[in-house]
């Protein structure tokens, strides 16, 4: 398996894991902790989807795209459109939310930063492993 296919396979697994953690957080926790963990995980999932689409993307670029997307969705909530769509569809509520909340922007940044840190560390680990197997 080549590096692009391997990256996409890992990204798919991480996406499934991220969704599972998000559901688990909602089930096991309540209130602000669950909400803000969900916000960070939302951006983690967007980050992973960016990597899935563009497997050679650098972590800072993927983090920037994920953060900008998440912030754009949050700012879109300043209009009545997401709330209207959320009333009609659970899927739209999960993707777009319904109500603007400024602190969400901070938690999106946390999710993007943590994603970039993990992605960078994984890349370094893979490079060390590849280098060790060549010697």
C-alpha atoms as a PDB file:
ATOM      1  CA  UNK A   1       0.000   0.000   0.000  1.00  0.00           C
ATOM      2  CA  UNK A   2       1.404   3.382  -1.007  1.00  0.00           C
ATOM      3  CA  UNK A   3       1.613   6.412   1.256  1.00  0.00           C
ATOM      4  CA  UNK A   4      -1.495   8.116  -0.175  1.00  0.00           C
ATOM      5  CA  UNK A   5      -3.631   4.997   0.227  1.00  0.00           C
ATOM      6  CA  UNK A   6      -2.242   4.452   3.718  1.00  0.00           C
ATOM      7  CA  UNK A   7      -3.004   8.060   4.680  1.00  0.00           C
ATOM      8  CA  UNK A   8      -6.558   7.744   3.362  1.00  0.00           C
ATOM      9  CA  UNK A   9      -7.082   4.457   5.193  1.00  0.00           C
ATOM     10  CA  UNK A  10      -5.883   5.969   8.453  1.00  0.00           C
ATOM     11  CA  UNK A  11      -8.003   9.078   7.855  1.00  0.00           C
ATOM     12  CA  UNK A  12     -11.104   6.914   7.367  1.00  0.00           C
ATOM     13  CA  UNK A  13     -10.397   5.068  10.603  1.00  0.00           C
ATOM     14  CA  UNK A  14      -9.786   8.320  12.475  1.00  0.00           C
ATOM     15  CA  UNK A  15     -13.025   9.792  11.088  1.00  0.00           C
ATOM     16  CA  UNK A  16     -15.019   6.817  12.386  1.00  0.00           C
ATOM     17  CA  UNK A  17     -13.205   7.029  15.728  1.00  0.00           C
ATOM     18  CA  UNK A  18     -13.881  10.774  15.975  1.00  0.00           C
ATOM     19  CA  UNK A  19     -17.603  10.291  15.367  1.00  0.00           C
ATOM     20  CA  UNK A  20     -17.677   7.489  17.959  1.00  0.00           C
ATOM     21  CA  UNK A  21     -15.910   9.694  20.519  1.00  0.00           C
ATOM     22  CA  UNK A  22     -18.331  12.520  19.759  1.00  0.00           C
ATOM     23  CA  UNK A  23     -21.332  10.258  20.323  1.00  0.00           C
ATOM     24  CA  UNK A  24     -19.710   8.891  23.475  1.00  0.00           C
ATOM     25  CA  UNK A  25     -19.112  12.388  24.833  1.00  0.00           C
ATOM     26  CA  UNK A  26     -22.761  13.301  24.243  1.00  0.00           C
ATOM     27  CA  UNK A  27     -23.949  10.120  25.974  1.00  0.00           C
ATOM     28  CA  UNK A  28     -21.506  10.142  28.909  1.00  0.00           C
ATOM     29  CA  UNK A  29     -21.269  13.866  29.629  1.00  0.00           C
ATOM     30  CA  UNK A  30     -23.652  16.756  29.912  1.00  0.00           C
ATOM     31  CA  UNK A  31     -23.708  20.524  29.768  1.00  0.00           C
ATOM     32  CA  UNK A  32     -20.842  22.743  28.764  1.00  0.00           C
ATOM     33  CA  UNK A  33     -18.198  19.996  28.810  1.00  0.00           C
ATOM     34  CA  UNK A  34     -20.085  17.914  26.258  1.00  0.00           C
ATOM     35  CA  UNK A  35     -20.933  20.935  24.127  1.00  0.00           C
ATOM     36  CA  UNK A  36     -17.425  22.293  23.893  1.00  0.00           C
ATOM     37  CA  UNK A  37     -15.849  18.849  23.460  1.00  0.00           C
ATOM     38  CA  UNK A  38     -18.322  18.373  20.620  1.00  0.00           C
ATOM     39  CA  UNK A  39     -17.218  21.677  19.084  1.00  0.00           C
ATOM     40  CA  UNK A  40     -13.556  20.650  19.165  1.00  0.00           C
ATOM     41  CA  UNK A  41     -14.406  17.204  17.772  1.00  0.00           C
ATOM     42  CA  UNK A  42     -16.443  18.817  14.973  1.00  0.00           C
ATOM     43  CA  UNK A  43     -13.300  20.583  13.800  1.00  0.00           C
ATOM     44  CA  UNK A  44     -11.221  17.432  14.277  1.00  0.00           C
ATOM     45  CA  UNK A  45     -13.631  15.638  11.942  1.00  0.00           C
ATOM     46  CA  UNK A  46     -13.418  18.442   9.377  1.00  0.00           C
ATOM     47  CA  UNK A  47      -9.609  18.256   9.646  1.00  0.00           C
ATOM     48  CA  UNK A  48      -9.671  14.501   9.031  1.00  0.00           C
ATOM     49  CA  UNK A  49     -11.960  14.968   6.027  1.00  0.00           C
ATOM     50  CA  UNK A  50      -9.500  17.519   4.614  1.00  0.00           C
ATOM     51  CA  UNK A  51      -6.718  14.941   4.973  1.00  0.00           C
ATOM     52  CA  UNK A  52      -8.931  12.305   3.359  1.00  0.00           C
ATOM     53  CA  UNK A  53      -9.538  14.564   0.351  1.00  0.00           C
ATOM     54  CA  UNK A  54      -5.953  15.855   0.150  1.00  0.00           C
ATOM     55  CA  UNK A  55      -3.710  13.235   1.800  1.00  0.00           C
ATOM     56  CA  UNK A  56      -0.496  15.165   1.177  1.00  0.00           C
ATOM     57  CA  UNK A  57      -1.775  18.325   2.889  1.00  0.00           C
ATOM     58  CA  UNK A  58       0.516  19.804   5.508  1.00  0.00           C
ATOM     59  CA  UNK A  59      -0.853  19.973   9.069  1.00  0.00           C
ATOM     60  CA  UNK A  60      -0.940  23.794   9.303  1.00  0.00           C
ATOM     61  CA  UNK A  61      -2.886  24.007   6.040  1.00  0.00           C
ATOM     62  CA  UNK A  62      -5.341  21.295   7.092  1.00  0.00           C
ATOM     63  CA  UNK A  63      -5.789  23.046  10.449  1.00  0.00           C
ATOM     64  CA  UNK A  64      -6.425  26.371   8.742  1.00  0.00           C
ATOM     65  CA  UNK A  65      -8.984  24.896   6.368  1.00  0.00           C
ATOM     66  CA  UNK A  66     -10.762  23.048   9.184  1.00  0.00           C
ATOM     67  CA  UNK A  67     -10.816  26.140  11.385  1.00  0.00           C
ATOM     68  CA  UNK A  68     -12.046  28.403   8.587  1.00  0.00           C
ATOM     69  CA  UNK A  69     -14.785  25.942   7.646  1.00  0.00           C
ATOM     70  CA  UNK A  70     -15.920  25.552  11.258  1.00  0.00           C
ATOM     71  CA  UNK A  71     -15.883  29.315  11.833  1.00  0.00           C
ATOM     72  CA  UNK A  72     -17.807  29.904   8.600  1.00  0.00           C
ATOM     73  CA  UNK A  73     -20.491  27.452   9.720  1.00  0.00           C
ATOM     74  CA  UNK A  74     -20.670  29.195  13.113  1.00  0.00           C
ATOM     75  CA  UNK A  75     -20.947  32.619  11.497  1.00  0.00           C
ATOM     76  CA  UNK A  76     -23.617  31.259   9.131  1.00  0.00           C
ATOM     77  CA  UNK A  77     -25.660  30.641  12.288  1.00  0.00           C
ATOM     78  CA  UNK A  78     -26.057  34.417  12.581  1.00  0.00           C
ATOM     79  CA  UNK A  79     -28.595  34.036   9.778  1.00  0.00           C
ATOM     80  CA  UNK A  80     -31.944  32.251  10.231  1.00  0.00           C
ATOM     81  CA  UNK A  81     -31.137  29.632   7.575  1.00  0.00           C
ATOM     82  CA  UNK A  82     -29.327  27.011   9.740  1.00  0.00           C
ATOM     83  CA  UNK A  83     -32.078  27.098  12.379  1.00  0.00           C
ATOM     84  CA  UNK A  84     -34.719  26.573   9.692  1.00  0.00           C
ATOM     85  CA  UNK A  85     -32.787  23.672   8.163  1.00  0.00           C
ATOM     86  CA  UNK A  86     -32.115  22.177  11.620  1.00  0.00           C
ATOM     87  CA  UNK A  87     -35.857  22.047  12.309  1.00  0.00           C
ATOM     88  CA  UNK A  88     -36.367  20.025   9.127  1.00  0.00           C
ATOM     89  CA  UNK A  89     -33.413  17.630   9.337  1.00  0.00           C
ATOM     90  CA  UNK A  90     -31.353  16.035  12.085  1.00  0.00           C
ATOM     91  CA  UNK A  91     -28.452  15.731   9.644  1.00  0.00           C
ATOM     92  CA  UNK A  92     -28.553  19.462   8.913  1.00  0.00           C
ATOM     93  CA  UNK A  93     -28.664  20.202  12.653  1.00  0.00           C
ATOM     94  CA  UNK A  94     -25.535  18.069  13.151  1.00  0.00           C
ATOM     95  CA  UNK A  95     -23.674  19.695  10.250  1.00  0.00           C
ATOM     96  CA  UNK A  96     -24.817  23.322  10.546  1.00  0.00           C
ATOM     97  CA  UNK A  97     -25.996  23.712  14.127  1.00  0.00           C
ATOM     98  CA  UNK A  98     -28.680  26.271  14.748  1.00  0.00           C
ATOM     99  CA  UNK A  99     -27.561  29.043  17.114  1.00  0.00           C
ATOM    100  CA  UNK A 100     -24.467  31.232  17.081  1.00  0.00           C
ATOM    101  CA  UNK A 101     -22.287  30.938  20.196  1.00  0.00           C
ATOM    102  CA  UNK A 102     -19.042  32.939  20.161  1.00  0.00           C
ATOM    103  CA  UNK A 103     -17.108  30.600  22.543  1.00  0.00           C
ATOM    104  CA  UNK A 104     -17.537  27.829  19.969  1.00  0.00           C
ATOM    105  CA  UNK A 105     -14.921  29.625  17.855  1.00  0.00           C
ATOM    106  CA  UNK A 106     -12.310  29.071  20.572  1.00  0.00           C
ATOM    107  CA  UNK A 107     -13.099  25.359  20.780  1.00  0.00           C
ATOM    108  CA  UNK A 108     -12.870  25.041  16.998  1.00  0.00           C
ATOM    109  CA  UNK A 109      -9.364  26.505  17.257  1.00  0.00           C
ATOM    110  CA  UNK A 110      -8.527  23.981  19.990  1.00  0.00           C
ATOM    111  CA  UNK A 111      -9.715  21.118  17.767  1.00  0.00           C
ATOM    112  CA  UNK A 112      -7.720  22.399  14.786  1.00  0.00           C
ATOM    113  CA  UNK A 113      -4.556  22.888  16.852  1.00  0.00           C
ATOM    114  CA  UNK A 114      -4.773  19.462  18.487  1.00  0.00           C
ATOM    115  CA  UNK A 115      -5.386  17.850  15.100  1.00  0.00           C
ATOM    116  CA  UNK A 116      -2.318  19.523  13.631  1.00  0.00           C
ATOM    117  CA  UNK A 117      -0.192  18.462  16.603  1.00  0.00           C
ATOM    118  CA  UNK A 118      -1.290  14.817  16.345  1.00  0.00           C
ATOM    119  CA  UNK A 119      -0.888  14.841  12.545  1.00  0.00           C
ATOM    120  CA  UNK A 120       2.620  16.297  12.846  1.00  0.00           C
ATOM    121  CA  UNK A 121       3.616  13.774  15.510  1.00  0.00           C
ATOM    122  CA  UNK A 122       2.223  10.883  13.451  1.00  0.00           C
ATOM    123  CA  UNK A 123       4.137  12.084  10.401  1.00  0.00           C
ATOM    124  CA  UNK A 124       7.390  12.279  12.366  1.00  0.00           C
ATOM    125  CA  UNK A 125       6.811   8.831  13.837  1.00  0.00           C
ATOM    126  CA  UNK A 126       6.133   7.378  10.390  1.00  0.00           C
ATOM    127  CA  UNK A 127       9.254   9.033   9.002  1.00  0.00           C
ATOM    128  CA  UNK A 128      11.379   7.601  11.846  1.00  0.00           C
ATOM    129  CA  UNK A 129       9.874   4.153  11.301  1.00  0.00           C
ATOM    130  CA  UNK A 130      10.491   4.355   7.553  1.00  0.00           C
ATOM    131  CA  UNK A 131      14.064   5.508   8.166  1.00  0.00           C
ATOM    132  CA  UNK A 132      14.705   2.685  10.620  1.00  0.00           C
ATOM    133  CA  UNK A 133      13.412   0.038   8.219  1.00  0.00           C
ATOM    134  CA  UNK A 134      15.694   1.299   5.440  1.00  0.00           C
ATOM    135  CA  UNK A 135      18.863   0.956   7.505  1.00  0.00           C
END
